[in-house]
Protein backbone atom coordinates (compact mmCIF):
# COMPACT_ATOMS: atom_id res chain seq x y z
CA UNK A 1 -3.68 125.13 56.02
CA UNK A 2 -5.41 122.65 57.62
CA UNK A 3 -3.19 119.68 55.65
CA UNK A 4 -0.42 121.32 56.16
CA UNK A 5 -2.13 121.78 60.12
CA UNK A 6 -1.66 118.28 60.53
CA UNK A 7 1.53 117.19 58.35
CA UNK A 8 3.49 120.27 61.09
CA UNK A 9 2.27 118.06 64.00
CA UNK A 10 1.63 114.10 63.22
CA UNK A 11 1.84 113.39 66.23
CA UNK A 12 -1.19 115.17 67.37
CA UNK A 13 -4.71 114.77 67.34
CA UNK A 14 -6.82 117.99 66.93
CA UNK A 15 -10.51 119.49 67.02
CA UNK A 16 -11.98 121.84 64.49
CA UNK A 17 -12.36 124.63 67.09
CA UNK A 18 -8.60 123.79 68.79
CA UNK A 19 -7.46 123.75 65.00
CA UNK A 20 -9.15 127.44 63.97
CA UNK A 21 -7.79 128.84 67.18
CA UNK A 22 -4.10 128.32 65.66
CA UNK A 23 -4.70 128.91 61.67
CA UNK A 24 -7.52 131.50 62.43
CA UNK A 25 -10.21 129.93 60.35
CA UNK A 26 -13.90 129.27 60.65
CA UNK A 27 -13.90 126.16 62.71
CA UNK A 28 -16.83 125.33 60.15
CA UNK A 29 -14.53 125.27 57.40
CA UNK A 30 -11.97 123.40 59.64
CA UNK A 31 -14.28 120.58 60.13
CA UNK A 32 -15.70 120.22 56.64
CA UNK A 33 -12.24 120.23 55.81
CA UNK A 34 -11.02 117.43 58.49
CA UNK A 35 -14.26 115.23 57.07
CA UNK A 36 -13.44 115.57 53.58
CA UNK A 37 -9.79 114.98 54.32
CA UNK A 38 -10.84 111.53 56.63
CA UNK A 39 -12.90 110.69 53.52
CA UNK A 40 -9.32 110.89 51.00
CA UNK A 41 -7.39 108.89 53.76
CA UNK A 42 -4.91 111.97 54.84
CA UNK A 43 -6.56 112.12 57.71
CA UNK A 44 -8.48 109.69 60.45
CA UNK A 45 -10.39 110.41 62.76
CA UNK A 46 -10.06 109.29 66.35
CA UNK A 47 -12.58 110.10 68.60
CA UNK A 48 -16.44 111.32 67.86
CA UNK A 49 -16.70 113.60 71.10
CA UNK A 50 -15.22 115.28 70.37
CA UNK A 51 -14.99 115.06 67.30
CA UNK A 52 -11.11 115.11 66.73
CA UNK A 53 -8.86 114.11 63.73
CA UNK A 54 -5.08 113.37 63.76
CA UNK A 55 -2.93 112.77 59.50
CA UNK A 56 -3.33 109.83 58.86
CA UNK A 57 -0.73 106.43 59.52
CA UNK A 58 0.87 105.16 55.91
CA UNK A 59 -0.45 101.35 56.05
CA UNK A 60 2.55 99.44 57.14
CA UNK A 61 4.19 102.03 59.60
CA UNK A 62 1.58 101.69 62.17
């Protein structure tokens, strides 16, 4: 669900809380998923406070 939400909004950045309000899942579970997706290169963290993520930009297309 988290990946699908990121893919559906390629130009947007989200906090776990903001995403949880849209997809109606636990913000803690979403935060964990976002960290994992960032480690895998699927998402990237764009700010520390609040922790905000967006879909990763493919290298060479930035």
